[in-house]
Amino acid sequence: MVEFNVLEHELVPSHELLTPKEAEAMLKRYGITKDQLPKIRVNDPCIAALIDAGKDIKEGQIVKITRASEVAGVSVAYRLVVTA
């Protein structure tokens, strides 16, 4: 069986777990609550790959997704980790 880390694929954007302090600062900067963020399931392949890499990811944490963009240069999005 060949193991494949989806995060190493060139088309998959960078996924980074925010610390509680970083998450609080981001929510304050944008004037939003966690519930207003788009969701990402804990069983998403990218989240599963982060867990396999040793990250302790739980429901309610925030993941920062950084994509290369032809128009903006870099595009940053945030997702709230959910179980269902």
PDB file of N, CA and C in Angstrom:
ATOM      1  N   MET A   1       0.839  -1.180   0.000  1.00  0.00           N
ATOM      2  CA  MET A   1       0.000   0.000   0.000  1.00  0.00           C
ATOM      3  C   MET A   1       0.888   1.250   0.000  1.00  0.00           C
ATOM      4  N   VAL A   2       0.577   2.178  -0.875  1.00  0.00           N
ATOM      5  CA  VAL A   2       1.349   3.412  -0.985  1.00  0.00           C
ATOM      6  C   VAL A   2       0.644   4.488  -0.173  1.00  0.00           C
ATOM      7  N   GLU A   3       1.372   5.105   0.741  1.00  0.00           N
ATOM      8  CA  GLU A   3       0.802   6.209   1.505  1.00  0.00           C
ATOM      9  C   GLU A   3       1.058   7.509   0.755  1.00  0.00           C
ATOM     10  N   PHE A   4       0.068   8.357   0.758  1.00  0.00           N
ATOM     11  CA  PHE A   4       0.158   9.624   0.040  1.00  0.00           C
ATOM     12  C   PHE A   4      -0.256  10.743   0.982  1.00  0.00           C
ATOM     13  N   ASN A   5       0.605  11.720   1.160  1.00  0.00           N
ATOM     14  CA  ASN A   5       0.287  12.879   1.981  1.00  0.00           C
ATOM     15  C   ASN A   5      -0.297  13.957   1.070  1.00  0.00           C
ATOM     16  N   VAL A   6      -1.591  14.157   1.189  1.00  0.00           N
ATOM     17  CA  VAL A   6      -2.289  15.107   0.328  1.00  0.00           C
ATOM     18  C   VAL A   6      -1.716  16.515   0.453  1.00  0.00           C
ATOM     19  N   LEU A   7      -1.153  16.858   1.610  1.00  0.00           N
ATOM     20  CA  LEU A   7      -0.609  18.206   1.809  1.00  0.00           C
ATOM     21  C   LEU A   7       0.644  18.473   0.986  1.00  0.00           C
ATOM     22  N   GLU A   8       1.261  17.413   0.479  1.00  0.00           N
ATOM     23  CA  GLU A   8       2.468  17.584  -0.332  1.00  0.00           C
ATOM     24  C   GLU A   8       2.170  17.760  -1.821  1.00  0.00           C
ATOM     25  N   HIS A   9       0.901  17.644  -2.199  1.00  0.00           N
ATOM     26  CA  HIS A   9       0.535  17.806  -3.610  1.00  0.00           C
ATOM     27  C   HIS A   9       0.581  19.279  -3.987  1.00  0.00           C
ATOM     28  N   GLU A  10       1.073  19.571  -5.175  1.00  0.00           N
ATOM     29  CA  GLU A  10       1.263  20.971  -5.594  1.00  0.00           C
ATOM     30  C   GLU A  10      -0.038  21.764  -5.708  1.00  0.00           C
ATOM     31  N   LEU A  11      -1.163  21.097  -5.885  1.00  0.00           N
ATOM     32  CA  LEU A  11      -2.438  21.806  -6.027  1.00  0.00           C
ATOM     33  C   LEU A  11      -3.170  22.014  -4.702  1.00  0.00           C
ATOM     34  N   VAL A  12      -2.658  21.447  -3.623  1.00  0.00           N
ATOM     35  CA  VAL A  12      -3.303  21.580  -2.309  1.00  0.00           C
ATOM     36  C   VAL A  12      -2.672  22.759  -1.575  1.00  0.00           C
ATOM     37  N   PRO A  13      -3.517  23.713  -1.141  1.00  0.00           N
ATOM     38  CA  PRO A  13      -2.968  24.871  -0.426  1.00  0.00           C
ATOM     39  C   PRO A  13      -2.441  24.492   0.953  1.00  0.00           C
ATOM     40  N   SER A  14      -1.660  25.379   1.511  1.00  0.00           N
ATOM     41  CA  SER A  14      -1.091  25.178   2.842  1.00  0.00           C
ATOM     42  C   SER A  14      -2.187  25.248   3.906  1.00  0.00           C
ATOM     43  N   HIS A  15      -2.185  24.292   4.834  1.00  0.00           N
ATOM     44  CA  HIS A  15      -3.121  24.262   5.956  1.00  0.00           C
ATOM     45  C   HIS A  15      -2.311  24.373   7.239  1.00  0.00           C
ATOM     46  N   GLU A  16      -2.688  25.325   8.093  1.00  0.00           N
ATOM     47  CA  GLU A  16      -1.948  25.564   9.331  1.00  0.00           C
ATOM     48  C   GLU A  16      -2.940  25.751  10.477  1.00  0.00           C
ATOM     49  N   LEU A  17      -2.739  25.024  11.553  1.00  0.00           N
ATOM     50  CA  LEU A  17      -3.584  25.150  12.731  1.00  0.00           C
ATOM     51  C   LEU A  17      -3.183  26.403  13.504  1.00  0.00           C
ATOM     52  N   LEU A  18      -4.168  27.260  13.802  1.00  0.00           N
ATOM     53  CA  LEU A  18      -3.874  28.464  14.567  1.00  0.00           C
ATOM     54  C   LEU A  18      -3.832  28.145  16.059  1.00  0.00           C
ATOM     55  N   THR A  19      -2.966  28.831  16.771  1.00  0.00           N
ATOM     56  CA  THR A  19      -2.952  28.717  18.223  1.00  0.00           C
ATOM     57  C   THR A  19      -4.183  29.463  18.747  1.00  0.00           C
ATOM     58  N   PRO A  20      -4.611  29.189  19.976  1.00  0.00           N
ATOM     59  CA  PRO A  20      -5.760  29.929  20.529  1.00  0.00           C
ATOM     60  C   PRO A  20      -5.550  31.450  20.500  1.00  0.00           C
ATOM     61  N   LYS A  21      -4.336  31.888  20.770  1.00  0.00           N
ATOM     62  CA  LYS A  21      -4.034  33.325  20.757  1.00  0.00           C
ATOM     63  C   LYS A  21      -4.154  33.897  19.336  1.00  0.00           C
ATOM     64  N   GLU A  22      -3.623  33.172  18.341  1.00  0.00           N
ATOM     65  CA  GLU A  22      -3.724  33.612  16.945  1.00  0.00           C
ATOM     66  C   GLU A  22      -5.181  33.637  16.491  1.00  0.00           C
ATOM     67  N   ALA A  23      -5.947  32.618  16.895  1.00  0.00           N
ATOM     68  CA  ALA A  23      -7.361  32.539  16.510  1.00  0.00           C
ATOM     69  C   ALA A  23      -8.141  33.716  17.098  1.00  0.00           C
ATOM     70  N   GLU A  24      -7.896  34.014  18.364  1.00  0.00           N
ATOM     71  CA  GLU A  24      -8.573  35.131  19.020  1.00  0.00           C
ATOM     72  C   GLU A  24      -8.243  36.452  18.329  1.00  0.00           C
ATOM     73  N   ALA A  25      -6.980  36.648  17.982  1.00  0.00           N
ATOM     74  CA  ALA A  25      -6.559  37.880  17.307  1.00  0.00           C
ATOM     75  C   ALA A  25      -7.208  37.995  15.927  1.00  0.00           C
ATOM     76  N   MET A  26      -7.292  36.882  15.192  1.00  0.00           N
ATOM     77  CA  MET A  26      -7.904  36.902  13.866  1.00  0.00           C
ATOM     78  C   MET A  26      -9.389  37.235  13.967  1.00  0.00           C
ATOM     79  N   LEU A  27     -10.093  36.612  14.905  1.00  0.00           N
ATOM     80  CA  LEU A  27     -11.528  36.876  15.075  1.00  0.00           C
ATOM     81  C   LEU A  27     -11.760  38.335  15.451  1.00  0.00           C
ATOM     82  N   LYS A  28     -10.916  38.874  16.311  1.00  0.00           N
ATOM     83  CA  LYS A  28     -11.037  40.281  16.715  1.00  0.00           C
ATOM     84  C   LYS A  28     -10.752  41.209  15.538  1.00  0.00           C
ATOM     85  N   ARG A  29      -9.711  40.884  14.757  1.00  0.00           N
ATOM     86  CA  ARG A  29      -9.337  41.719  13.607  1.00  0.00           C
ATOM     87  C   ARG A  29     -10.495  41.835  12.613  1.00  0.00           C
ATOM     88  N   TYR A  30     -11.211  40.740  12.380  1.00  0.00           N
ATOM     89  CA  TYR A  30     -12.300  40.747  11.404  1.00  0.00           C
ATOM     90  C   TYR A  30     -13.664  41.018  12.032  1.00  0.00           C
ATOM     91  N   GLY A  31     -13.733  41.109  13.360  1.00  0.00           N
ATOM     92  CA  GLY A  31     -14.988  41.406  14.044  1.00  0.00           C
ATOM     93  C   GLY A  31     -16.037  40.327  13.844  1.00  0.00           C
ATOM     94  N   ILE A  32     -15.608  39.056  13.921  1.00  0.00           N
ATOM     95  CA  ILE A  32     -16.522  37.934  13.713  1.00  0.00           C
ATOM     96  C   ILE A  32     -16.405  36.945  14.872  1.00  0.00           C
ATOM     97  N   THR A  33     -17.319  35.985  14.869  1.00  0.00           N
ATOM     98  CA  THR A  33     -17.256  34.895  15.837  1.00  0.00           C
ATOM     99  C   THR A  33     -16.892  33.612  15.094  1.00  0.00           C
ATOM    100  N   LYS A  34     -16.505  32.586  15.855  1.00  0.00           N
ATOM    101  CA  LYS A  34     -16.156  31.305  15.238  1.00  0.00           C
ATOM    102  C   LYS A  34     -17.295  30.754  14.393  1.00  0.00           C
ATOM    103  N   ASP A  35     -18.538  30.923  14.876  1.00  0.00           N
ATOM    104  CA  ASP A  35     -19.708  30.378  14.179  1.00  0.00           C
ATOM    105  C   ASP A  35     -19.906  30.991  12.790  1.00  0.00           C
ATOM    106  N   GLN A  36     -19.317  32.136  12.539  1.00  0.00           N
ATOM    107  CA  GLN A  36     -19.469  32.792  11.242  1.00  0.00           C
ATOM    108  C   GLN A  36     -18.457  32.297  10.209  1.00  0.00           C
ATOM    109  N   LEU A  37     -17.495  31.491  10.645  1.00  0.00           N
ATOM    110  CA  LEU A  37     -16.485  30.972   9.716  1.00  0.00           C
ATOM    111  C   LEU A  37     -17.043  29.805   8.906  1.00  0.00           C
ATOM    112  N   PRO A  38     -16.561  29.635   7.672  1.00  0.00           N
ATOM    113  CA  PRO A  38     -16.894  28.411   6.933  1.00  0.00           C
ATOM    114  C   PRO A  38     -16.336  27.213   7.704  1.00  0.00           C
ATOM    115  N   LYS A  39     -16.934  26.070   7.500  1.00  0.00           N
ATOM    116  CA  LYS A  39     -16.551  24.876   8.264  1.00  0.00           C
ATOM    117  C   LYS A  39     -15.654  23.949   7.441  1.00  0.00           C
ATOM    118  N   ILE A  40     -14.873  23.129   8.152  1.00  0.00           N
ATOM    119  CA  ILE A  40     -14.094  22.054   7.544  1.00  0.00           C
ATOM    120  C   ILE A  40     -14.203  20.867   8.496  1.00  0.00           C
ATOM    121  N   ARG A  41     -14.534  19.714   7.956  1.00  0.00           N
ATOM    122  CA  ARG A  41     -14.728  18.542   8.807  1.00  0.00           C
ATOM    123  C   ARG A  41     -13.397  17.966   9.269  1.00  0.00           C
ATOM    124  N   VAL A  42     -13.415  17.396  10.457  1.00  0.00           N
ATOM    125  CA  VAL A  42     -12.214  16.802  11.024  1.00  0.00           C
ATOM    126  C   VAL A  42     -11.744  15.616  10.181  1.00  0.00           C
ATOM    127  N   ASN A  43     -12.643  15.018   9.398  1.00  0.00           N
ATOM    128  CA  ASN A  43     -12.249  13.904   8.530  1.00  0.00           C
ATOM    129  C   ASN A  43     -11.899  14.349   7.105  1.00  0.00           C
ATOM    130  N   ASP A  44     -11.781  15.654   6.883  1.00  0.00           N
ATOM    131  CA  ASP A  44     -11.304  16.166   5.597  1.00  0.00           C
ATOM    132  C   ASP A  44      -9.892  15.629   5.374  1.00  0.00           C
ATOM    133  N   PRO A  45      -9.540  15.245   4.148  1.00  0.00           N
ATOM    134  CA  PRO A  45      -8.209  14.677   3.910  1.00  0.00           C
ATOM    135  C   PRO A  45      -7.053  15.554   4.390  1.00  0.00           C
ATOM    136  N   CYS A  46      -7.170  16.861   4.273  1.00  0.00           N
ATOM    137  CA  CYS A  46      -6.082  17.742   4.719  1.00  0.00           C
ATOM    138  C   CYS A  46      -5.985  17.773   6.241  1.00  0.00           C
ATOM    139  N   ILE A  47      -7.122  17.797   6.915  1.00  0.00           N
ATOM    140  CA  ILE A  47      -7.113  17.777   8.377  1.00  0.00           C
ATOM    141  C   ILE A  47      -6.603  16.425   8.864  1.00  0.00           C
ATOM    142  N   ALA A  48      -7.041  15.348   8.210  1.00  0.00           N
ATOM    143  CA  ALA A  48      -6.562  14.005   8.571  1.00  0.00           C
ATOM    144  C   ALA A  48      -5.049  13.909   8.401  1.00  0.00           C
ATOM    145  N   ALA A  49      -4.509  14.542   7.358  1.00  0.00           N
ATOM    146  CA  ALA A  49      -3.059  14.523   7.130  1.00  0.00           C
ATOM    147  C   ALA A  49      -2.328  15.295   8.232  1.00  0.00           C
ATOM    148  N   LEU A  50      -2.904  16.401   8.689  1.00  0.00           N
ATOM    149  CA  LEU A  50      -2.301  17.154   9.792  1.00  0.00           C
ATOM    150  C   LEU A  50      -2.311  16.327  11.074  1.00  0.00           C
ATOM    151  N   ILE A  51      -3.407  15.614  11.312  1.00  0.00           N
ATOM    152  CA  ILE A  51      -3.499  14.751  12.500  1.00  0.00           C
ATOM    153  C   ILE A  51      -2.457  13.645  12.412  1.00  0.00           C
ATOM    154  N   ASP A  52      -2.322  13.041  11.217  1.00  0.00           N
ATOM    155  CA  ASP A  52      -1.315  11.988  11.019  1.00  0.00           C
ATOM    156  C   ASP A  52       0.099  12.520  11.234  1.00  0.00           C
ATOM    157  N   ALA A  53       0.287  13.822  10.986  1.00  0.00           N
ATOM    158  CA  ALA A  53       1.602  14.440  11.159  1.00  0.00           C
ATOM    159  C   ALA A  53       1.866  14.825  12.619  1.00  0.00           C
ATOM    160  N   GLY A  54       0.911  14.515  13.503  1.00  0.00           N
ATOM    161  CA  GLY A  54       1.134  14.761  14.919  1.00  0.00           C
ATOM    162  C   GLY A  54       0.413  15.966  15.502  1.00  0.00           C
ATOM    163  N   LYS A  55      -0.368  16.670  14.694  1.00  0.00           N
ATOM    164  CA  LYS A  55      -1.114  17.824  15.214  1.00  0.00           C
ATOM    165  C   LYS A  55      -2.330  17.322  15.992  1.00  0.00           C
ATOM    166  N   ASP A  56      -2.584  17.921  17.135  1.00  0.00           N
ATOM    167  CA  ASP A  56      -3.729  17.559  17.962  1.00  0.00           C
ATOM    168  C   ASP A  56      -4.873  18.508  17.601  1.00  0.00           C
ATOM    169  N   ILE A  57      -5.667  18.110  16.618  1.00  0.00           N
ATOM    170  CA  ILE A  57      -6.740  18.964  16.111  1.00  0.00           C
ATOM    171  C   ILE A  57      -8.072  18.486  16.677  1.00  0.00           C
ATOM    172  N   LYS A  58      -8.808  19.425  17.236  1.00  0.00           N
ATOM    173  CA  LYS A  58     -10.099  19.126  17.849  1.00  0.00           C
ATOM    174  C   LYS A  58     -11.170  20.072  17.290  1.00  0.00           C
ATOM    175  N   GLU A  59     -12.409  19.661  17.461  1.00  0.00           N
ATOM    176  CA  GLU A  59     -13.532  20.495  17.033  1.00  0.00           C
ATOM    177  C   GLU A  59     -13.438  21.863  17.706  1.00  0.00           C
ATOM    178  N   GLY A  60     -13.728  22.915  16.939  1.00  0.00           N
ATOM    179  CA  GLY A  60     -13.709  24.270  17.476  1.00  0.00           C
ATOM    180  C   GLY A  60     -12.418  25.027  17.210  1.00  0.00           C
ATOM    181  N   GLN A  61     -11.389  24.321  16.728  1.00  0.00           N
ATOM    182  CA  GLN A  61     -10.143  25.009  16.402  1.00  0.00           C
ATOM    183  C   GLN A  61     -10.248  25.610  14.998  1.00  0.00           C
ATOM    184  N   ILE A  62      -9.352  26.524  14.702  1.00  0.00           N
ATOM    185  CA  ILE A  62      -9.374  27.224  13.422  1.00  0.00           C
ATOM    186  C   ILE A  62      -8.133  26.892  12.619  1.00  0.00           C
ATOM    187  N   VAL A  63      -8.360  26.622  11.326  1.00  0.00           N
ATOM    188  CA  VAL A  63      -7.281  26.306  10.400  1.00  0.00           C
ATOM    189  C   VAL A  63      -7.143  27.454   9.400  1.00  0.00           C
ATOM    190  N   LYS A  64      -5.919  27.883   9.178  1.00  0.00           N
ATOM    191  CA  LYS A  64      -5.612  28.927   8.199  1.00  0.00           C
ATOM    192  C   LYS A  64      -5.187  28.232   6.908  1.00  0.00           C
ATOM    193  N   ILE A  65      -5.833  28.600   5.800  1.00  0.00           N
ATOM    194  CA  ILE A  65      -5.532  28.014   4.499  1.00  0.00           C
ATOM    195  C   ILE A  65      -4.969  29.115   3.606  1.00  0.00           C
ATOM    196  N   THR A  66      -3.752  28.902   3.116  1.00  0.00           N
ATOM    197  CA  THR A  66      -3.073  29.904   2.306  1.00  0.00           C
ATOM    198  C   THR A  66      -2.888  29.359   0.895  1.00  0.00           C
ATOM    199  N   ARG A  67      -3.464  30.074  -0.083  1.00  0.00           N
ATOM    200  CA  ARG A  67      -3.393  29.652  -1.480  1.00  0.00           C
ATOM    201  C   ARG A  67      -2.625  30.683  -2.302  1.00  0.00           C
ATOM    202  N   ALA A  68      -1.926  30.194  -3.306  1.00  0.00           N
ATOM    203  CA  ALA A  68      -1.329  31.089  -4.295  1.00  0.00           C
ATOM    204  C   ALA A  68      -2.458  31.563  -5.205  1.00  0.00           C
ATOM    205  N   SER A  69      -2.445  32.842  -5.552  1.00  0.00           N
ATOM    206  CA  SER A  69      -3.498  33.415  -6.388  1.00  0.00           C
ATOM    207  C   SER A  69      -2.867  34.279  -7.469  1.00  0.00           C
ATOM    208  N   GLU A  70      -3.286  34.066  -8.706  1.00  0.00           N
ATOM    209  CA  GLU A  70      -2.752  34.878  -9.799  1.00  0.00           C
ATOM    210  C   GLU A  70      -3.141  36.341  -9.635  1.00  0.00           C
ATOM    211  N   VAL A  71      -4.315  36.605  -9.133  1.00  0.00           N
ATOM    212  CA  VAL A  71      -4.809  37.973  -8.996  1.00  0.00           C
ATOM    213  C   VAL A  71      -4.285  38.642  -7.730  1.00  0.00           C
ATOM    214  N   ALA A  72      -4.415  37.958  -6.596  1.00  0.00           N
ATOM    215  CA  ALA A  72      -4.065  38.565  -5.311  1.00  0.00           C
ATOM    216  C   ALA A  72      -2.645  38.253  -4.854  1.00  0.00           C
ATOM    217  N   GLY A  73      -1.987  37.318  -5.518  1.00  0.00           N
ATOM    218  CA  GLY A  73      -0.665  36.897  -5.073  1.00  0.00           C
ATOM    219  C   GLY A  73      -0.798  35.786  -4.052  1.00  0.00           C
ATOM    220  N   VAL A  74      -1.403  36.111  -2.919  1.00  0.00           N
ATOM    221  CA  VAL A  74      -1.669  35.123  -1.864  1.00  0.00           C
ATOM    222  C   VAL A  74      -3.083  35.360  -1.344  1.00  0.00           C
ATOM    223  N   SER A  75      -3.826  34.279  -1.185  1.00  0.00           N
ATOM    224  CA  SER A  75      -5.180  34.344  -0.661  1.00  0.00           C
ATOM    225  C   SER A  75      -5.229  33.532   0.626  1.00  0.00           C
ATOM    226  N   VAL A  76      -5.755  34.133   1.687  1.00  0.00           N
ATOM    227  CA  VAL A  76      -5.839  33.467   2.988  1.00  0.00           C
ATOM    228  C   VAL A  76      -7.297  33.272   3.356  1.00  0.00           C
ATOM    229  N   ALA A  77      -7.623  32.061   3.805  1.00  0.00           N
ATOM    230  CA  ALA A  77      -8.979  31.749   4.264  1.00  0.00           C
ATOM    231  C   ALA A  77      -8.859  31.040   5.603  1.00  0.00           C
ATOM    232  N   TYR A  78      -9.928  31.105   6.372  1.00  0.00           N
ATOM    233  CA  TYR A  78      -9.961  30.443   7.668  1.00  0.00           C
ATOM    234  C   TYR A  78     -11.161  29.517   7.721  1.00  0.00           C
ATOM    235  N   ARG A  79     -10.991  28.369   8.365  1.00  0.00           N
ATOM    236  CA  ARG A  79     -12.070  27.385   8.495  1.00  0.00           C
ATOM    237  C   ARG A  79     -12.152  26.919   9.946  1.00  0.00           C
ATOM    238  N   LEU A  80     -13.365  26.690  10.403  1.00  0.00           N
ATOM    239  CA  LEU A  80     -13.626  26.159  11.739  1.00  0.00           C
ATOM    240  C   LEU A  80     -13.736  24.645  11.641  1.00  0.00           C
ATOM    241  N   VAL A  81     -12.967  23.933  12.437  1.00  0.00           N
ATOM    242  CA  VAL A  81     -12.993  22.471  12.413  1.00  0.00           C
ATOM    243  C   VAL A  81     -14.242  21.984  13.143  1.00  0.00           C
ATOM    244  N   VAL A  82     -15.024  21.129  12.456  1.00  0.00           N
ATOM    245  CA  VAL A  82     -16.237  20.537  13.025  1.00  0.00           C
ATOM    246  C   VAL A  82     -16.188  19.028  12.874  1.00  0.00           C
ATOM    247  N   THR A  83     -16.962  18.321  13.704  1.00  0.00           N
ATOM    248  CA  THR A  83     -16.977  16.860  13.622  1.00  0.00           C
ATOM    249  C   THR A  83     -18.097  16.357  12.733  1.00  0.00           C
ATOM    250  N   ALA A  84     -19.177  17.082  12.585  1.00  0.00           N
ATOM    251  CA  ALA A  84     -20.291  16.587  11.764  1.00  0.00           C
ATOM    252  C   ALA A  84     -20.772  17.624  10.792  1.00  0.00           C
TER     253      ALA A  84
END
